Amino acid sequence: MPVKMGDEREAVRMQEKGRIEFWGAGTMRTFRPLWVAEELGLEYILHGIGPRTGETQTPHYTGLNPKQKVPFMTDGSFGLSESVAISRYLIERYGTDDTMVLPSTIESRAREDEWVSYVYGELDETSLYVMRRHGDLSGIYGDAPAAVAAAKAYAEKHLNVVAQFVDGKEFLLGDRLGLGDVMLVSCLDWAVHYGFELTDSLLAYQGVHHGRDAYRRAYDANYSK
């Protein structure tokens, strides 16, 4: 639940308690921790800066996050970057049995790590972000049609693997929303944005999560900036 910066009394109240602040909006990577925060019912302040608007290169932001990337989060005096790390931190610190929790056994945590790593490594970094770098951002990183085509084919291969795994399922693992779902749904949304045609099983799985109130609140917060 984002708090508008103009509400000074609310900001002061949150500061007295210790407050959560996010920097970054407008991308699927900035969306992920916002979705988790909404699922957990957390109040937060969102600074909706963009990744390539110059706002990440100011002295103030560089002092917070020398990587000059988004998303970035502070929880009181604790600062953290990277969408997976922020999301996992929020779940572990603030999750409850009624919202989101980390898996309870070594095996189940390893299985979640397996899927989070797979989705982030093969769909996000190796495929969709390559398409972004050399498509949407070709003016910065160079136009590379062959790389974009290869990345698209690679993504389609792994989307087929995921499609078989989630067929008939509401959740990637177990019977409740987990970090793997946050990662996968965000990548499916990204893929649709790039014109991928999802299978019926992926569309059904994606649709379940699009219907979540927290998903819609996070989406509105992330893309209204």
Protein backbone atom coordinates (compact mmCIF):
# COMPACT_ATOMS: atom_id res chain seq x y z
CA MET A 1 0.00 0.00 0.00
CA PRO A 2 1.98 3.01 -1.22
CA VAL A 3 1.87 6.18 0.86
CA LYS A 4 1.82 9.40 -1.11
CA MET A 5 4.80 11.56 -0.33
CA GLY A 6 2.51 14.56 0.06
CA ASP A 7 0.97 12.98 3.14
CA GLU A 8 3.57 14.36 5.52
CA ARG A 9 1.86 13.22 8.70
CA GLU A 10 1.75 9.63 7.48
CA ALA A 11 5.39 9.78 6.40
CA VAL A 12 6.42 11.07 9.83
CA ARG A 13 4.41 8.34 11.54
CA MET A 14 6.07 5.66 9.43
CA GLN A 15 9.52 7.12 10.03
CA GLU A 16 8.97 6.95 13.76
CA LYS A 17 8.10 3.25 13.46
CA GLY A 18 10.77 2.48 10.88
CA ARG A 19 9.52 2.56 7.30
CA ILE A 20 9.89 0.72 4.04
CA GLU A 21 10.79 2.71 0.94
CA PHE A 22 11.18 1.49 -2.62
CA TRP A 23 12.99 3.19 -5.47
CA GLY A 24 12.09 2.31 -9.03
CA ALA A 25 8.95 1.82 -11.11
CA GLY A 26 7.89 0.96 -14.61
CA THR A 27 9.63 -2.41 -15.17
CA MET A 28 8.87 -6.01 -14.32
CA ARG A 29 11.86 -6.10 -11.99
CA THR A 30 10.56 -3.14 -9.98
CA PHE A 31 7.11 -4.74 -9.96
CA ARG A 32 8.17 -7.91 -8.13
CA PRO A 33 8.94 -6.51 -4.66
CA LEU A 34 5.89 -4.25 -4.85
CA TRP A 35 3.69 -7.28 -5.47
CA VAL A 36 5.24 -9.05 -2.48
CA ALA A 37 4.75 -5.97 -0.29
CA GLU A 38 1.10 -5.79 -1.32
CA GLU A 39 0.57 -9.49 -0.60
CA LEU A 40 2.06 -8.93 2.87
CA GLY A 41 -0.14 -5.89 3.52
CA LEU A 42 2.86 -3.62 4.08
CA GLU A 43 2.78 0.16 4.00
CA TYR A 44 5.58 1.68 1.98
CA ILE A 45 6.72 4.81 0.22
CA LEU A 46 7.44 4.46 -3.49
CA HIS A 47 9.88 6.74 -5.25
CA GLY A 48 8.92 6.00 -8.83
CA ILE A 49 12.23 6.76 -10.52
CA GLY A 50 13.05 5.21 -13.87
CA PRO A 51 16.08 3.09 -14.69
CA ARG A 52 17.37 5.26 -17.52
CA THR A 53 16.04 8.73 -16.78
CA GLY A 54 19.16 9.97 -15.02
CA GLU A 55 17.43 9.68 -11.65
CA THR A 56 19.55 6.69 -10.61
CA GLN A 57 22.74 8.70 -11.23
CA THR A 58 22.11 11.55 -8.81
CA PRO A 59 24.54 11.89 -5.90
CA HIS A 60 21.74 11.12 -3.43
CA TYR A 61 20.66 7.90 -5.10
CA THR A 62 24.22 6.81 -5.82
CA GLY A 63 24.92 7.22 -2.12
CA LEU A 64 22.05 4.83 -1.40
CA ASN A 65 22.84 2.37 -4.17
CA PRO A 66 26.24 2.70 -5.90
CA LYS A 67 25.06 0.18 -8.52
CA GLN A 68 22.77 2.97 -9.85
CA LYS A 69 20.07 0.40 -10.61
CA VAL A 70 16.48 -0.19 -9.60
CA PRO A 71 14.77 -1.64 -7.67
CA PHE A 72 16.24 -0.62 -4.34
CA MET A 73 14.63 -0.85 -0.92
CA THR A 74 15.31 0.50 2.53
CA ASP A 75 13.68 -0.89 5.64
CA GLY A 76 14.72 1.57 8.30
CA SER A 77 18.52 1.69 8.08
CA PHE A 78 18.79 -1.55 6.09
CA GLY A 79 19.23 -1.15 2.35
CA LEU A 80 18.96 -3.86 -0.31
CA SER A 81 18.98 -4.10 -4.10
CA GLU A 82 17.96 -6.79 -6.63
CA SER A 83 14.36 -7.90 -7.04
CA VAL A 84 14.86 -11.48 -5.84
CA ALA A 85 16.79 -10.48 -2.73
CA ILE A 86 14.31 -7.75 -1.78
CA SER A 87 11.32 -10.01 -2.28
CA ARG A 88 12.82 -12.87 -0.28
CA TYR A 89 13.80 -10.50 2.54
CA LEU A 90 10.27 -9.11 2.80
CA ILE A 91 8.73 -12.57 2.87
CA GLU A 92 11.12 -13.83 5.53
CA ARG A 93 10.81 -10.76 7.74
CA TYR A 94 7.12 -9.93 7.39
CA GLY A 95 5.41 -13.03 6.00
CA THR A 96 2.74 -14.87 7.96
CA ASP A 97 0.74 -18.03 7.52
CA ASP A 98 -2.05 -15.86 6.13
CA THR A 99 0.13 -14.12 3.54
CA MET A 100 3.44 -15.51 2.27
CA VAL A 101 6.15 -17.53 4.01
CA LEU A 102 9.39 -19.13 2.95
CA PRO A 103 9.29 -22.90 2.51
CA SER A 104 9.73 -24.71 5.81
CA THR A 105 12.11 -27.56 4.92
CA ILE A 106 15.56 -27.75 3.38
CA GLU A 107 14.14 -29.68 0.43
CA SER A 108 11.27 -27.27 -0.22
CA ARG A 109 13.56 -24.24 0.04
CA ALA A 110 15.95 -25.89 -2.40
CA ARG A 111 13.07 -26.56 -4.81
CA GLU A 112 11.99 -22.93 -4.63
CA ASP A 113 15.58 -21.81 -5.20
CA GLU A 114 15.74 -24.14 -8.19
CA TRP A 115 12.71 -22.52 -9.83
CA VAL A 116 13.60 -18.95 -8.90
CA SER A 117 17.09 -19.47 -10.35
CA TYR A 118 15.69 -21.12 -13.46
CA VAL A 119 13.11 -18.43 -14.18
CA TYR A 120 15.52 -15.58 -13.46
CA GLY A 121 18.45 -17.11 -15.30
CA GLU A 122 16.80 -18.56 -18.38
CA LEU A 123 13.75 -16.35 -18.95
CA ASP A 124 14.69 -12.99 -17.42
CA GLU A 125 18.44 -12.51 -17.91
CA THR A 126 19.26 -14.81 -20.82
CA SER A 127 16.15 -14.21 -22.90
CA LEU A 128 13.82 -11.32 -22.16
CA TYR A 129 16.46 -8.87 -21.01
CA VAL A 130 18.59 -9.62 -24.07
CA MET A 131 15.55 -8.74 -26.17
CA ARG A 132 15.15 -5.53 -24.18
CA ARG A 133 18.82 -4.55 -24.46
CA HIS A 134 19.03 -5.02 -28.20
CA GLY A 135 15.42 -4.12 -29.02
CA ASP A 136 13.87 -1.42 -26.84
CA LEU A 137 17.31 -0.16 -25.74
CA SER A 138 19.18 -0.66 -29.00
CA GLY A 139 20.05 3.03 -29.05
CA ILE A 140 22.17 2.42 -25.95
CA TYR A 141 23.39 -1.15 -26.36
CA GLY A 142 23.34 -1.57 -30.14
CA ASP A 143 20.94 -3.11 -32.61
CA ALA A 144 21.46 -6.89 -32.77
CA PRO A 145 18.61 -8.63 -34.62
CA ALA A 146 20.32 -12.03 -34.53
CA ALA A 147 20.73 -11.84 -30.76
CA VAL A 148 17.08 -10.83 -30.33
CA ALA A 149 15.88 -13.70 -32.52
CA ALA A 150 18.07 -16.22 -30.70
CA ALA A 151 16.89 -14.95 -27.32
CA LYS A 152 13.26 -15.26 -28.40
CA ALA A 153 13.76 -18.83 -29.58
CA TYR A 154 15.54 -19.67 -26.33
CA ALA A 155 12.70 -18.20 -24.28
CA GLU A 156 10.11 -20.17 -26.26
CA LYS A 157 11.97 -23.39 -25.49
CA HIS A 158 11.90 -22.76 -21.75
CA LEU A 159 8.35 -21.44 -21.75
CA ASN A 160 7.34 -24.82 -23.14
CA VAL A 161 9.09 -26.52 -20.23
CA VAL A 162 7.28 -24.28 -17.75
CA ALA A 163 3.96 -24.78 -19.54
CA GLN A 164 4.10 -28.51 -18.96
CA PHE A 165 5.03 -28.06 -15.31
CA VAL A 166 2.19 -25.65 -14.44
CA ASP A 167 -0.51 -27.42 -16.44
CA GLY A 168 -3.56 -27.60 -14.16
CA LYS A 169 -1.81 -25.79 -11.29
CA GLU A 170 -2.62 -22.51 -9.58
CA PHE A 171 0.81 -22.28 -7.95
CA LEU A 172 4.25 -23.23 -9.13
CA LEU A 173 5.00 -25.14 -5.91
CA GLY A 174 2.63 -26.30 -3.21
CA ASP A 175 -0.78 -24.78 -2.52
CA ARG A 176 0.05 -21.12 -1.93
CA LEU A 177 1.73 -18.16 -3.57
CA GLY A 178 5.50 -18.21 -3.40
CA LEU A 179 8.48 -16.29 -4.68
CA GLY A 180 8.66 -18.60 -7.68
CA ASP A 181 5.18 -17.49 -8.72
CA VAL A 182 6.12 -13.83 -8.42
CA MET A 183 9.13 -14.43 -10.64
CA LEU A 184 7.29 -16.54 -13.20
CA VAL A 185 4.18 -14.38 -13.55
CA SER A 186 6.32 -11.26 -14.00
CA CYS A 187 8.26 -12.98 -16.78
CA LEU A 188 5.07 -14.21 -18.43
CA ASP A 189 3.75 -10.64 -18.41
CA TRP A 190 7.04 -9.49 -19.92
CA ALA A 191 6.85 -12.18 -22.59
CA VAL A 192 3.31 -11.16 -23.56
CA HIS A 193 4.50 -7.56 -23.83
CA TYR A 194 7.07 -8.78 -26.36
CA GLY A 195 4.48 -10.60 -28.42
CA PHE A 196 4.93 -14.18 -27.25
CA GLU A 197 1.88 -16.41 -27.61
CA LEU A 198 1.43 -18.32 -24.37
CA THR A 199 0.01 -21.82 -24.22
CA ASP A 200 -3.41 -22.45 -22.66
CA SER A 201 -1.79 -23.77 -19.49
CA LEU A 202 0.38 -20.67 -19.09
CA LEU A 203 -2.56 -18.36 -19.80
CA ALA A 204 -4.69 -20.16 -17.20
CA TYR A 205 -1.90 -19.98 -14.62
CA GLN A 206 -1.21 -16.31 -15.39
CA GLY A 207 -4.92 -15.49 -15.22
CA VAL A 208 -5.25 -16.88 -11.69
CA HIS A 209 -2.61 -14.45 -10.46
CA HIS A 210 -3.88 -11.51 -12.47
CA GLY A 211 -7.04 -11.88 -10.43
CA ARG A 212 -5.27 -11.33 -7.12
CA ASP A 213 -6.06 -7.98 -5.50
CA ALA A 214 -2.44 -7.52 -4.43
CA TYR A 215 -1.24 -8.11 -7.98
CA ARG A 216 -3.54 -5.40 -9.31
CA ARG A 217 -2.56 -2.91 -6.60
CA ALA A 218 1.13 -3.49 -7.26
CA TYR A 219 0.63 -3.25 -11.02
CA ASP A 220 -1.16 0.07 -10.66
CA ALA A 221 1.52 1.44 -8.34
CA ASN A 222 4.36 0.27 -10.58
CA TYR A 223 2.97 1.61 -13.84
CA SER A 224 1.24 4.80 -12.72
CA LYS A 225 4.56 6.57 -12.09
